[in-house]
Amino acid sequence: MIHEDLQLILEDADEHMDKSIEHLRHELISIRAGRATPTMLENIKVDYYGSVTPLNQMASISAPQADLLIVQPWDATALNDIEKAIQSSNLGLNPSNDGGMIRLPVPPLSEERRRDLVKAARSLGEETKISIRNVRRHAKDDVKKTQESENLQEDMRYEAEETLQKMTDTHTEKVDKLLDHKEKEIMEV
């Protein structure tokens, strides 16, 4: 039976690990895999009147076709700023500004670009795994401090650390599954 203070530490660690995985899910959505989706532009920030503003807060983004995105800013004076932000985003998109909206033809992915996207996804996954391991390390330190300050048996500490390791392994497996799924999605022609 794990002491309630140790249980709280484990629950907190589990919550932080879950947040790391949610962050990864959110980041993977913005990596393009095949058809055009408005989420591809989700992470683009525009320098708008001296402040950095997310694109989705200044324009409506739609995908009327599988290979086309349309960005319609609510303020027409922001068109050039939005166009510059899209060009500098390294998404491989070439914006076409017609004075009222920006059309973004989404070219089919080349094999090389697909491999680059897989590498980017794997890199995000590795960052998430590092984050999970950092949570484990902090939780393990907290477990040790709590065991010493509360004069708990060492068996409780070892049991808590074992539970923590199982939790870490489970979350790492989730990251691998997410990455495998995304890789299949990206490499699918």
Foldseek 3Di string as FASTA:
>chain_A
DADVVLVVLLVVLLVQLVVLVVVLVLVLVLQDFQFDDPSVQQPFWFCDPNDTHRLVVFWPWDRPDRFKIKTFGPDLVCVVRVQVSVVVVPNPWHWDDPSGIIMTGHDGDDPVNLVVSLVVSVVSLVVSLVSSVVSLVVSLVVLVVCCVVVVHDVVSSVVSNVVSVVSSVVSNVVSVVVSVVSSCSRNDD
